[in-house]
Amino acid sequence: MTRRWALPLLFLAFLLFYLLPLVTHGMWIPDETRYAQIGQEMLAHGHWASPHFMELRYFEKPIAGYWMIAIGQAIFGENFFGVRFASALSTGLSVLLVYLIAGRLWNDERKQFACAALYMSFGLIAGQAGYANLDPQFTFWVNLSFVALWFAIDGNSPRARLWSWVALGLACGMGFMTKGFLALMLPVLIALPYMIWQKRFRELVGYGLVAVVVATLISLPWVLAVHLQEPDYWRFFFWHEHIRRFAAEDAQHTRPWWFYLPMMVVSSLPWALLLPVTLKDAWRTKGQRITVFLLLWMLLPLAFFSLSRGKLPTYIMPCLMPLALLMGHSLMERIKLAQGQVPRLNGLLNLVLGLVALAALVYFQLKQPFYDNEPLQLTLLCVFLGSWVLVNLLPVFKPLTFWATPALGMGMLVLLLPAAMPNVIVHNKMPDQFIAHHAEELSQSTHFLSNDLGAASALAWRMKRSDITLYNTQGELQYGLGYPEAAGRVQDLSQIQAWMDNARRDGQVGVVMRVKDQDELHEIDLLPKDHVRYEEGNMVILIFSKTAP
C-alpha cells in the first residue's frame, strides 16, 4: 500500500496544501509585492540580466529567482498564483528529493513516505511554499546539490557518479544565480570533511572538477552579461550582500548566535517532540556513514549561519531536509517495533498547543476582539483549530496507526490560516486588494506617489506602472537612487509641495500612503487638502485632480 499510494498522496497534498492556498489571500508587503513587481517589470521591460525594482537598479540578489517569478506570471498571468507558483513548485520538488534520497539511503518505502511527509509538513517549509520570495527556490537548489552529492559518492558505477556530479554542478550554478556565493560554498563545506573521513579526497578533486565546470558553464553567460550591462554589480553584490551582511556591525536583522537553536524547534513543528529521540538515535549511530553525512549536512550549515550577524528564520531552510530524513528514520524504527510513546507524546504536545490557541481565541474575542464582524474569517480560524485538535487527538489514542495525522494539521494551517487573517492584519499588510478596489480611479493618474516601498510596489504591480515617485523614503532602493537617471524619483518634505504643484499641472495624481505614526501624519499634512480620500487600516489613498496650467 505504501509503495502504491505514497506518491499520489504526496501529490494530492501538494495540490491541496501548497497550490490551492496561493489564490486565497492578498500579497504581503514588503516581500511579495517587491518580487511580484520585479518579475512583472522583467517581462515588461526586458531586464533579464540586471534586476530592476520600479525602474531602479536593485542589486541585492542575482537574477535566476526573478526569472522563475517572471515565468510564473508569464504562464499563469500577473496574479497571485503566477507570482507564488515558483515557491510552491520549488518546495514540491524538494519534497520529491526527500522521497528519492530516503529510498537510496534505506530502501524502505515507509521511511520514504514518512521522511517526505515530515519535511512537507514542517511549519517553516509549508509556510514558505505559498510565499513569494527566493528562499524556497534557493533551498531547492541547495537540497538538489546535497542529494546529488550523496548519489555521487554512493553511486554504483562511474557513469552514475559522473551524472550525479553533473547534477551537483547544475544545482550549484542555479543556486548561485538565485542567491549568491553561498550555494557554491555549502556543498564544499559538507563534501570536504566527509570525503576526507572516507579517505576519498582524490575522488572529490577529480569528480569535483566536473561539477565546477558545469556550474561555471551554467552561470558564466549571466555573470558576463550583468558585468557588461552594470560594471558595478559585482562590487555591490559581493561586499554589501555577503561580506557586510555576514560580518558588519550594522548588518541587517542582527540576532544573537543562538538564534537558530530555538528556531530549529519551532520550524520542525508539528514534529518538534521527535527532536530529542532523533538526536539520541543519531548520536548512537554516529559512526555510520549515512548518519555522518546527514549530521554534517544539518549541523555545519547551521553553525555557519549562526556565525553570521544578519539572521532571518528562512536562512536555515537548507538544514531541514537532513532533519526530516533523520526524524523519519527514527520514527519508523519505533513504529516498526510497535513503540508508540514518541508519536503519542508528539500528538499530545500538538493537542495542547491547539487547545491553548482555542482558549486564547475565546478569551480575546470576549475581552479584546481582533475579529470585528468578520464571520467568514473567524469561521475559517475555528475550522482550522478544530481540525488541528482532532488530527492530533488521533495519535494520542492510536499512535501506531495515526502517527502521520499531525501533517494534516499543518496542511489545514497553510490552507485556511492566510484566508482567516483578521482585517486588522489584511488592511495593514496586504494593501494590493485595497489598491485593486480603487484601480479604476487610480488608473487615470498621470503621476503616482507613495511614502512606503511595500505600498509603492503593490501600487506598481497593480497598475502595471513602475514610475512611482517615492515620498520621504528610500530604504533598500538607496543604491539605485544614487544613479543620475534616478534624479527626481524621491521627494523629501521640503520638495513635496513644489512637486505636487508641477505634477497636478500634468494630470491627476494618485497617492498611496502608509500612515503608522506621527511622522506619516505630518507627511500627509504637507500635501494639498483638495483631494478625494479612501482609508483602510493604516493605508490611505488620495486622489488629486488636475489643476490649471
Protein backbone atom coordinates (compact mmCIF):
# COMPACT_ATOMS: atom_id res chain seq x y z
CA MET A 1 0.00 0.00 0.00
CA THR A 2 2.82 2.40 0.86
CA ARG A 3 4.53 1.82 -2.49
CA ARG A 4 1.29 2.28 -4.43
CA TRP A 5 -0.15 5.30 -2.66
CA ALA A 6 2.84 7.26 -1.32
CA LEU A 7 3.48 9.48 -4.34
CA PRO A 8 -0.23 10.00 -5.19
CA LEU A 9 -0.90 11.05 -1.57
CA LEU A 10 2.04 13.45 -1.58
CA PHE A 11 0.90 14.90 -4.90
CA LEU A 12 -2.64 15.34 -3.57
CA ALA A 13 -1.25 17.11 -0.51
CA PHE A 14 0.80 19.32 -2.84
CA LEU A 15 -2.35 20.32 -4.72
CA LEU A 16 -4.47 20.94 -1.61
CA PHE A 17 -1.99 22.49 0.79
CA TYR A 18 0.57 24.14 -1.49
CA LEU A 19 -1.25 25.19 -4.69
CA LEU A 20 -4.83 25.86 -3.57
CA PRO A 21 -3.95 28.50 -0.92
CA LEU A 22 -1.95 30.55 -3.45
CA VAL A 23 -5.10 32.34 -4.63
CA THR A 24 -6.94 32.83 -1.36
CA HIS A 25 -5.31 35.97 0.04
CA GLY A 26 -3.59 39.20 -0.94
CA MET A 27 0.17 39.72 -1.19
CA TRP A 28 2.16 40.54 1.91
CA ILE A 29 4.32 43.64 1.96
CA PRO A 30 7.15 44.24 1.51
CA ASP A 31 8.49 40.92 0.16
CA GLU A 32 5.74 39.53 -2.03
CA THR A 33 4.85 42.79 -3.74
CA ARG A 34 8.55 43.51 -4.34
CA TYR A 35 9.23 40.19 -6.05
CA ALA A 36 5.98 40.39 -7.99
CA GLN A 37 6.87 43.84 -9.29
CA ILE A 38 10.43 42.89 -10.24
CA GLY A 39 9.14 39.89 -12.20
CA GLN A 40 6.45 41.99 -13.86
CA GLU A 41 8.98 44.65 -14.83
CA MET A 42 11.29 41.96 -16.21
CA LEU A 43 8.50 40.87 -18.57
CA ALA A 44 7.55 44.43 -19.49
CA HIS A 45 11.00 45.99 -19.99
CA GLY A 46 13.28 43.02 -20.64
CA HIS A 47 15.58 43.36 -17.62
CA TRP A 48 16.68 39.73 -17.96
CA ALA A 49 20.28 40.27 -16.85
CA SER A 50 20.22 43.19 -14.41
CA PRO A 51 17.48 43.20 -11.73
CA HIS A 52 15.41 46.39 -11.56
CA PHE A 53 12.83 47.36 -8.95
CA MET A 54 10.43 50.13 -10.02
CA GLU A 55 12.87 51.10 -12.80
CA LEU A 56 15.76 51.42 -10.34
CA ARG A 57 18.84 49.20 -10.16
CA TYR A 58 18.32 46.57 -7.49
CA PHE A 59 21.47 44.53 -6.97
CA GLU A 60 20.70 42.78 -3.67
CA LYS A 61 20.16 39.36 -5.31
CA PRO A 62 21.17 37.58 -8.55
CA ILE A 63 18.76 37.01 -11.40
CA ALA A 64 17.53 33.39 -11.55
CA GLY A 65 14.94 33.68 -8.77
CA TYR A 66 13.39 36.66 -10.52
CA TRP A 67 13.36 34.65 -13.75
CA MET A 68 11.22 31.98 -12.11
CA ILE A 69 8.75 34.50 -10.68
CA ALA A 70 8.56 36.30 -14.04
CA ILE A 71 8.00 32.99 -15.87
CA GLY A 72 5.23 32.12 -13.42
CA GLN A 73 3.46 35.37 -14.28
CA ALA A 74 4.08 34.85 -17.99
CA ILE A 75 2.45 31.39 -17.89
CA PHE A 76 -0.34 31.85 -15.35
CA GLY A 77 -0.91 35.60 -15.58
CA GLU A 78 0.06 38.53 -13.39
CA ASN A 79 -1.96 37.27 -10.45
CA PHE A 80 -1.41 35.65 -7.05
CA PHE A 81 -0.99 32.17 -8.49
CA GLY A 82 1.54 33.29 -11.08
CA VAL A 83 3.58 35.24 -8.54
CA ARG A 84 3.70 32.44 -5.95
CA PHE A 85 3.91 29.39 -8.20
CA ALA A 86 7.72 29.28 -8.23
CA SER A 87 7.81 28.97 -4.43
CA ALA A 88 5.21 26.19 -4.37
CA LEU A 89 6.87 24.28 -7.20
CA SER A 90 10.32 24.58 -5.63
CA THR A 91 9.04 23.26 -2.32
CA GLY A 92 7.16 20.43 -4.02
CA LEU A 93 10.33 19.41 -5.85
CA SER A 94 12.23 19.47 -2.56
CA VAL A 95 9.64 17.05 -1.13
CA LEU A 96 10.27 14.77 -4.11
CA LEU A 97 14.02 14.94 -3.43
CA VAL A 98 13.40 13.83 0.16
CA TYR A 99 11.42 10.85 -1.13
CA LEU A 100 14.15 9.90 -3.61
CA ILE A 101 17.12 10.19 -1.28
CA ALA A 102 15.32 8.36 1.53
CA GLY A 103 14.85 5.46 -0.88
CA ARG A 104 18.55 5.46 -1.68
CA LEU A 105 19.55 5.72 1.99
CA TRP A 106 17.35 2.97 3.45
CA ASN A 107 15.44 1.22 0.62
CA ASP A 108 12.30 1.29 2.76
CA GLU A 109 9.04 2.60 1.27
CA ARG A 110 7.54 3.52 4.64
CA LYS A 111 10.60 5.56 5.54
CA GLN A 112 10.44 7.26 2.15
CA PHE A 113 6.87 8.33 2.74
CA ALA A 114 7.49 9.30 6.37
CA CYS A 115 10.51 11.47 5.58
CA ALA A 116 8.69 13.22 2.72
CA ALA A 117 5.53 13.76 4.80
CA LEU A 118 7.53 15.18 7.71
CA TYR A 119 9.50 17.54 5.51
CA MET A 120 6.40 18.67 3.63
CA SER A 121 4.62 19.50 6.88
CA PHE A 122 7.46 21.27 8.71
CA GLY A 123 5.97 24.63 9.66
CA LEU A 124 8.69 26.76 8.08
CA ILE A 125 8.73 24.73 4.86
CA ALA A 126 4.95 24.62 4.44
CA GLY A 127 4.58 28.30 5.31
CA GLN A 128 7.15 29.44 2.75
CA ALA A 129 5.68 27.25 -0.01
CA GLY A 130 2.90 29.78 -0.55
CA TYR A 131 5.03 32.89 -0.06
CA ALA A 132 6.64 34.69 -3.00
CA ASN A 133 10.33 35.11 -2.22
CA LEU A 134 13.62 33.49 -3.18
CA ASP A 135 14.20 31.22 -0.16
CA PRO A 136 12.14 28.22 -1.38
CA GLN A 137 13.91 28.33 -4.73
CA PHE A 138 17.35 28.63 -3.16
CA THR A 139 16.51 25.82 -0.72
CA PHE A 140 15.56 23.54 -3.62
CA TRP A 141 18.86 24.12 -5.41
CA VAL A 142 20.85 23.55 -2.21
CA ASN A 143 18.82 20.41 -1.49
CA LEU A 144 19.46 19.17 -5.01
CA SER A 145 23.19 19.78 -4.62
CA PHE A 146 23.33 17.66 -1.45
CA VAL A 147 21.12 14.90 -2.88
CA ALA A 148 23.31 14.81 -5.98
CA LEU A 149 26.39 14.72 -3.76
CA TRP A 150 25.11 11.63 -1.94
CA PHE A 151 24.15 9.92 -5.20
CA ALA A 152 27.64 10.76 -6.49
CA ILE A 153 29.53 9.27 -3.57
CA ASP A 154 27.11 6.33 -3.27
CA GLY A 155 26.92 5.58 -6.98
CA ASN A 156 27.36 2.02 -8.22
CA SER A 157 29.09 2.86 -11.48
CA PRO A 158 31.41 5.57 -12.86
CA ARG A 159 28.66 6.64 -15.27
CA ALA A 160 26.12 7.10 -12.47
CA ARG A 161 28.64 9.03 -10.40
CA LEU A 162 29.53 11.27 -13.34
CA TRP A 163 25.91 12.23 -13.95
CA SER A 164 25.43 12.91 -10.26
CA TRP A 165 28.39 15.29 -10.25
CA VAL A 166 26.89 16.98 -13.33
CA ALA A 167 23.61 17.41 -11.42
CA LEU A 168 25.58 18.82 -8.49
CA GLY A 169 27.21 21.39 -10.78
CA LEU A 170 23.82 22.33 -12.25
CA ALA A 171 22.36 22.83 -8.77
CA CYS A 172 25.34 24.92 -7.65
CA GLY A 173 25.18 27.10 -10.75
CA MET A 174 21.45 27.74 -10.43
CA GLY A 175 21.72 28.25 -6.67
CA PHE A 176 24.47 30.79 -7.23
CA MET A 177 22.31 32.66 -9.73
CA THR A 178 19.40 32.57 -7.26
CA LYS A 179 21.03 33.84 -4.08
CA GLY A 180 24.77 34.08 -4.47
CA PHE A 181 28.05 32.50 -3.42
CA LEU A 182 26.55 30.56 -0.52
CA ALA A 183 25.27 27.96 -3.00
CA LEU A 184 28.87 27.25 -4.04
CA MET A 185 30.24 27.10 -0.51
CA LEU A 186 27.70 24.83 1.22
CA PRO A 187 28.38 21.62 -0.79
CA VAL A 188 32.13 22.07 -0.25
CA LEU A 189 31.51 22.60 3.46
CA ILE A 190 29.99 19.12 3.70
CA ALA A 191 31.81 17.21 0.93
CA LEU A 192 35.34 18.08 2.09
CA PRO A 193 35.20 16.68 5.66
CA TYR A 194 33.06 13.72 4.60
CA MET A 195 35.36 12.64 1.76
CA ILE A 196 38.45 13.13 3.90
CA TRP A 197 36.84 10.94 6.59
CA GLN A 198 36.07 8.33 3.93
CA LYS A 199 39.64 8.62 2.53
CA ARG A 200 38.26 9.58 -0.89
CA PHE A 201 39.79 13.03 -1.25
CA ARG A 202 41.31 12.28 -4.68
CA GLU A 203 37.89 11.24 -5.95
CA LEU A 204 36.45 14.51 -4.65
CA VAL A 205 39.07 16.51 -6.51
CA GLY A 206 38.72 14.56 -9.73
CA TYR A 207 34.95 14.44 -9.99
CA GLY A 208 34.56 17.79 -8.25
CA LEU A 209 36.16 19.44 -11.27
CA VAL A 210 33.22 18.18 -13.34
CA ALA A 211 30.79 19.98 -11.00
CA VAL A 212 32.93 23.12 -11.13
CA VAL A 213 32.94 23.11 -14.94
CA VAL A 214 29.17 22.56 -15.14
CA ALA A 215 28.44 25.28 -12.57
CA THR A 216 30.70 27.66 -14.49
CA LEU A 217 29.03 26.89 -17.82
CA ILE A 218 25.59 27.40 -16.26
CA SER A 219 26.34 30.75 -14.62
CA LEU A 220 29.08 32.33 -16.76
CA PRO A 221 26.82 33.75 -19.52
CA TRP A 222 24.79 35.70 -16.97
CA VAL A 223 27.90 36.67 -14.96
CA LEU A 224 29.42 38.26 -18.06
CA ALA A 225 26.14 39.76 -19.26
CA VAL A 226 25.41 41.57 -15.99
CA HIS A 227 29.01 42.77 -15.78
CA LEU A 228 28.82 44.24 -19.27
CA GLN A 229 25.49 45.92 -18.54
CA GLU A 230 26.25 47.02 -14.98
CA PRO A 231 30.00 47.10 -14.19
CA ASP A 232 29.33 47.95 -10.53
CA TYR A 233 27.05 44.95 -9.92
CA TRP A 234 29.64 42.56 -8.54
CA ARG A 235 31.26 45.10 -6.24
CA PHE A 236 27.94 45.97 -4.62
CA PHE A 237 26.60 42.42 -4.54
CA PHE A 238 29.75 40.85 -3.08
CA TRP A 239 30.54 43.45 -0.43
CA HIS A 240 27.05 44.56 0.55
CA GLU A 241 25.14 41.27 0.33
CA HIS A 242 27.85 38.89 1.50
CA ILE A 243 30.70 40.44 3.48
CA ARG A 244 28.71 43.22 5.14
CA ARG A 245 25.67 41.07 5.92
CA PHE A 246 27.87 38.36 7.40
CA ALA A 247 30.32 40.41 9.44
CA ALA A 248 29.37 44.09 9.65
CA GLU A 249 28.37 45.57 12.99
CA ASP A 250 25.36 47.27 11.37
CA ALA A 251 24.24 44.22 9.40
CA GLN A 252 20.51 43.86 8.75
CA HIS A 253 18.46 41.56 11.01
CA THR A 254 21.13 41.26 13.70
CA ARG A 255 20.45 38.34 16.06
CA PRO A 256 22.43 36.52 18.80
CA TRP A 257 24.49 33.46 17.84
CA TRP A 258 21.98 31.05 19.43
CA PHE A 259 19.01 32.43 17.46
CA TYR A 260 18.73 29.36 15.23
CA LEU A 261 18.66 26.80 18.03
CA PRO A 262 15.09 27.57 19.15
CA MET A 263 14.21 28.28 15.51
CA MET A 264 15.03 24.68 14.61
CA VAL A 265 12.50 23.54 17.21
CA VAL A 266 9.80 25.94 16.05
CA SER A 267 10.50 25.22 12.37
CA SER A 268 10.04 21.49 12.90
CA LEU A 269 6.50 21.79 14.32
CA PRO A 270 4.27 19.74 14.35
CA TRP A 271 7.06 17.19 14.85
CA ALA A 272 9.11 19.03 17.45
CA LEU A 273 8.88 16.31 20.08
CA LEU A 274 10.67 13.92 17.73
CA LEU A 275 13.82 16.04 18.03
CA PRO A 276 15.20 14.56 21.29
CA VAL A 277 14.86 10.93 20.19
CA THR A 278 16.17 11.76 16.72
CA LEU A 279 19.31 13.37 18.11
CA LYS A 280 19.70 10.47 20.57
CA ASP A 281 19.50 7.93 17.72
CA ALA A 282 21.91 9.96 15.61
CA TRP A 283 24.42 10.05 18.44
CA ARG A 284 24.12 6.29 18.96
CA THR A 285 24.84 5.63 15.26
CA LYS A 286 27.32 8.48 14.79
CA GLY A 287 29.91 6.16 13.25
CA GLN A 288 27.69 5.08 10.35
CA ARG A 289 28.31 6.86 7.06
CA ILE A 290 24.64 7.75 6.46
CA THR A 291 24.35 9.37 9.87
CA VAL A 292 27.64 11.20 9.46
CA PHE A 293 26.59 12.60 6.10
CA LEU A 294 23.18 13.76 7.37
CA LEU A 295 24.65 15.32 10.51
CA LEU A 296 27.28 17.18 8.51
CA TRP A 297 24.53 18.35 6.15
CA MET A 298 22.41 19.65 9.04
CA LEU A 299 24.95 20.94 11.56
CA LEU A 300 27.71 22.58 9.51
CA PRO A 301 25.38 24.97 7.62
CA LEU A 302 23.57 25.64 10.90
CA ALA A 303 26.87 26.59 12.55
CA PHE A 304 27.84 28.76 9.59
CA PHE A 305 24.52 30.62 9.60
CA SER A 306 24.83 31.08 13.37
CA LEU A 307 28.17 32.85 12.91
CA SER A 308 26.57 35.45 10.62
CA ARG A 309 25.47 38.68 12.27
CA GLY A 310 22.48 39.03 9.98
CA LYS A 311 19.90 36.28 10.54
CA LEU A 312 16.41 35.53 9.28
CA PRO A 313 14.41 32.37 10.11
CA THR A 314 14.32 31.29 6.46
CA TYR A 315 18.11 31.08 6.23
CA ILE A 316 18.07 27.66 7.95
CA MET A 317 15.67 26.06 5.46
CA PRO A 318 18.54 24.11 3.82
CA CYS A 319 19.14 22.43 7.22
CA LEU A 320 15.64 20.98 7.42
CA MET A 321 15.85 18.24 4.79
CA PRO A 322 18.51 16.23 6.68
CA LEU A 323 16.49 16.80 9.87
CA ALA A 324 13.39 15.34 8.19
CA LEU A 325 15.41 12.35 7.00
CA LEU A 326 16.80 11.66 10.47
CA MET A 327 13.38 12.16 12.05
CA GLY A 328 11.58 9.93 9.57
CA HIS A 329 14.14 7.18 10.08
CA SER A 330 13.88 7.33 13.89
CA LEU A 331 10.08 7.47 13.82
CA MET A 332 9.70 4.49 11.50
CA GLU A 333 12.14 2.42 13.51
CA ARG A 334 9.90 2.91 16.53
CA ILE A 335 6.73 2.22 14.56
CA LYS A 336 8.33 -0.98 13.26
CA LEU A 337 8.98 -2.09 16.86
CA ALA A 338 5.41 -1.10 17.89
CA GLN A 339 6.77 1.61 20.20
CA GLY A 340 4.06 4.28 20.19
CA GLN A 341 5.21 6.50 23.03
CA VAL A 342 7.05 9.07 20.89
CA PRO A 343 4.25 9.71 18.32
CA ARG A 344 1.74 9.72 21.20
CA LEU A 345 3.65 12.39 23.13
CA ASN A 346 4.18 14.40 19.94
CA GLY A 347 0.45 14.33 19.24
CA LEU A 348 -0.22 15.30 22.85
CA LEU A 349 2.05 18.34 22.58
CA ASN A 350 0.28 19.47 19.41
CA LEU A 351 -3.08 18.83 21.05
CA VAL A 352 -2.17 21.06 23.99
CA LEU A 353 -0.97 23.80 21.63
CA GLY A 354 -4.28 23.64 19.76
CA LEU A 355 -6.37 23.77 22.92
CA VAL A 356 -4.35 26.72 24.22
CA ALA A 357 -4.88 28.52 20.92
CA LEU A 358 -8.64 27.84 21.09
CA ALA A 359 -8.80 29.14 24.65
CA ALA A 360 -6.82 32.25 23.66
CA LEU A 361 -9.19 32.87 20.74
CA VAL A 362 -12.24 32.70 23.00
CA TYR A 363 -10.62 34.89 25.64
CA PHE A 364 -9.55 37.65 23.28
CA GLN A 365 -12.82 37.63 21.36
CA LEU A 366 -14.64 38.22 24.63
CA LYS A 367 -12.20 40.72 26.13
CA GLN A 368 -10.48 42.46 23.21
CA PRO A 369 -11.69 41.01 19.90
CA PHE A 370 -9.42 41.13 16.89
CA TYR A 371 -12.24 39.88 14.63
CA ASP A 372 -14.77 42.68 14.24
CA ASN A 373 -17.88 41.48 12.39
CA GLU A 374 -15.84 39.09 10.24
CA PRO A 375 -17.79 35.79 10.41
CA LEU A 376 -16.08 34.11 7.46
CA GLN A 377 -12.53 34.69 8.74
CA LEU A 378 -13.50 33.69 12.27
CA THR A 379 -15.19 30.54 10.99
CA LEU A 380 -12.11 29.55 8.97
CA LEU A 381 -9.89 30.01 12.03
CA CYS A 382 -12.22 27.89 14.15
CA VAL A 383 -12.29 25.19 11.45
CA PHE A 384 -8.51 25.13 11.40
CA LEU A 385 -8.15 24.97 15.18
CA GLY A 386 -10.83 22.28 15.42
CA SER A 387 -9.10 20.26 12.70
CA TRP A 388 -5.74 20.68 14.43
CA VAL A 389 -7.16 19.37 17.71
CA LEU A 390 -8.90 16.43 16.01
CA VAL A 391 -5.99 15.20 13.91
CA ASN A 392 -3.63 15.43 16.89
CA LEU A 393 -6.09 13.67 19.16
CA LEU A 394 -5.94 10.54 16.99
CA PRO A 395 -2.24 9.69 17.58
CA VAL A 396 -2.73 10.19 21.32
CA PHE A 397 -5.05 7.13 21.36
CA LYS A 398 -3.69 5.15 18.38
CA PRO A 399 -0.13 6.34 17.74
CA LEU A 400 0.93 3.37 15.61
CA THR A 401 -1.99 3.82 13.22
CA PHE A 402 -2.34 7.61 13.12
CA TRP A 403 1.28 8.71 13.53
CA ALA A 404 1.09 10.81 10.32
CA THR A 405 -2.05 12.85 11.11
CA PRO A 406 -0.15 15.87 12.55
CA ALA A 407 0.87 16.53 8.94
CA LEU A 408 -2.81 17.09 8.13
CA GLY A 409 -2.99 19.67 10.90
CA MET A 410 -0.17 21.67 9.32
CA GLY A 411 -1.82 21.27 5.94
CA MET A 412 -5.02 22.78 7.31
CA LEU A 413 -2.99 25.63 8.77
CA VAL A 414 -1.43 26.67 5.45
CA LEU A 415 -4.74 26.07 3.64
CA LEU A 416 -7.01 28.12 5.92
CA LEU A 417 -4.98 30.50 8.07
CA PRO A 418 -3.94 33.01 5.36
CA ALA A 419 -7.58 33.44 4.35
CA ALA A 420 -8.61 33.61 8.02
CA MET A 421 -6.48 36.64 8.82
CA PRO A 422 -8.47 39.42 10.53
CA ASN A 423 -8.97 42.66 8.65
CA VAL A 424 -6.65 44.48 11.04
CA ILE A 425 -3.81 42.44 9.50
CA VAL A 426 -5.13 42.29 5.94
CA HIS A 427 -5.68 46.03 5.70
CA ASN A 428 -2.25 46.86 7.10
CA LYS A 429 -0.10 44.16 5.49
CA MET A 430 -1.86 43.29 2.20
CA PRO A 431 -2.64 46.62 0.53
CA ASP A 432 -2.83 45.31 -3.05
CA GLN A 433 -6.50 44.36 -2.53
CA PHE A 434 -7.31 47.89 -1.34
CA ILE A 435 -5.49 49.29 -4.36
CA ALA A 436 -7.30 46.86 -6.69
CA HIS A 437 -10.64 48.05 -5.30
CA HIS A 438 -9.79 51.59 -6.40
CA ALA A 439 -7.83 50.59 -9.51
CA GLU A 440 -10.19 52.24 -12.00
CA GLU A 441 -9.89 55.63 -10.34
CA LEU A 442 -6.16 55.28 -9.77
CA SER A 443 -5.54 54.24 -13.38
CA GLN A 444 -6.49 57.73 -14.56
CA SER A 445 -3.50 59.22 -12.74
CA THR A 446 -0.58 60.69 -14.64
CA HIS A 447 1.73 60.55 -11.61
CA PHE A 448 1.90 58.23 -8.60
CA LEU A 449 3.38 58.95 -5.18
CA SER A 450 3.98 56.71 -2.14
CA ASN A 451 5.79 57.01 1.18
CA ASP A 452 6.33 53.25 1.68
CA LEU A 453 8.24 50.77 -0.52
CA GLY A 454 5.80 47.95 0.19
CA ALA A 455 2.79 50.07 -0.72
CA ALA A 456 4.64 51.54 -3.71
CA SER A 457 5.48 48.10 -5.12
CA ALA A 458 1.88 46.94 -4.60
CA LEU A 459 0.70 50.03 -6.47
CA ALA A 460 3.26 49.47 -9.26
CA TRP A 461 2.25 45.81 -9.67
CA ARG A 462 -1.49 46.51 -9.67
CA MET A 463 -1.24 49.47 -12.04
CA LYS A 464 1.48 47.84 -14.18
CA ARG A 465 3.41 51.06 -13.81
CA SER A 466 6.94 51.22 -12.40
CA ASP A 467 7.38 55.01 -12.37
CA ILE A 468 6.30 55.52 -8.76
CA THR A 469 7.73 58.63 -7.09
CA LEU A 470 8.89 57.98 -3.53
CA TYR A 471 7.91 60.41 -0.82
CA ASN A 472 10.42 60.83 2.00
CA THR A 473 11.64 57.23 1.82
CA GLN A 474 14.50 55.29 0.19
CA GLY A 475 15.19 52.09 2.16
CA GLU A 476 16.67 49.29 0.07
CA LEU A 477 16.47 51.45 -3.06
CA GLN A 478 19.13 53.83 -1.79
CA TYR A 479 21.77 52.34 -4.09
CA GLY A 480 19.63 52.55 -7.24
CA LEU A 481 18.56 56.08 -6.38
CA GLY A 482 22.19 57.14 -6.42
CA TYR A 483 22.40 56.96 -10.22
CA PRO A 484 21.94 60.23 -12.19
CA GLU A 485 18.96 58.90 -14.16
CA ALA A 486 17.11 58.35 -10.87
CA ALA A 487 17.07 62.08 -10.11
CA GLY A 488 13.64 63.24 -9.07
CA ARG A 489 12.39 59.78 -8.04
CA VAL A 490 12.47 60.78 -4.36
CA GLN A 491 10.87 63.90 -2.93
CA ASP A 492 11.60 64.94 0.64
CA LEU A 493 9.42 67.04 2.93
CA SER A 494 10.83 70.32 1.66
CA GLN A 495 10.25 69.42 -2.00
CA ILE A 496 6.83 67.82 -1.92
CA GLN A 497 4.65 70.91 -2.34
CA ALA A 498 6.50 72.07 -5.45
CA TRP A 499 6.44 68.54 -6.87
CA MET A 500 2.69 68.25 -6.31
CA ASP A 501 2.04 71.58 -7.99
CA ASN A 502 4.02 70.54 -11.07
CA ALA A 503 2.59 67.02 -11.18
CA ARG A 504 -1.01 68.23 -10.97
CA ARG A 505 -0.48 70.51 -13.95
CA ASP A 506 0.28 67.35 -15.98
CA GLY A 507 -2.78 65.47 -14.80
CA GLN A 508 -4.36 63.57 -11.94
CA VAL A 509 -2.03 62.42 -9.12
CA GLY A 510 -2.65 59.16 -7.25
CA VAL A 511 -1.09 58.84 -3.79
CA VAL A 512 -0.86 55.65 -1.71
CA MET A 513 0.34 56.33 1.83
CA ARG A 514 1.08 54.07 4.76
CA VAL A 515 0.27 56.02 7.93
CA LYS A 516 1.55 54.37 11.12
CA ASP A 517 2.67 57.23 13.37
CA GLN A 518 3.02 61.00 13.70
CA ASP A 519 5.74 61.21 11.06
CA GLU A 520 3.43 59.84 8.38
CA LEU A 521 0.60 62.09 9.57
CA HIS A 522 2.95 65.02 9.12
CA GLU A 523 3.73 63.83 5.58
CA ILE A 524 0.01 63.89 4.74
CA ASP A 525 -0.40 67.34 6.30
CA LEU A 526 2.16 68.72 3.83
CA LEU A 527 0.05 67.59 0.85
CA PRO A 528 -2.71 69.77 -0.64
CA LYS A 529 -6.10 69.48 1.03
CA ASP A 530 -8.33 69.26 -2.05
CA HIS A 531 -8.32 65.50 -2.53
CA VAL A 532 -10.61 62.50 -2.51
CA ARG A 533 -9.60 60.22 0.35
CA TYR A 534 -10.04 56.49 0.91
CA GLU A 535 -8.77 54.75 4.03
CA GLU A 536 -8.38 51.12 5.10
CA GLY A 537 -6.35 50.17 8.16
CA ASN A 538 -3.13 52.18 8.02
CA MET A 539 -3.36 52.53 4.22
CA VAL A 540 -4.62 55.77 2.69
CA ILE A 541 -5.36 56.51 -0.97
CA LEU A 542 -5.55 60.16 -2.03
CA ILE A 543 -6.73 61.29 -5.47
CA PHE A 544 -5.68 64.79 -6.54
CA SER A 545 -7.36 66.17 -9.64
CA LYS A 546 -5.57 68.05 -12.39
CA THR A 547 -5.12 71.79 -11.88
CA ALA A 548 -4.96 74.55 -14.43
CA PRO A 549 -1.55 75.14 -16.09
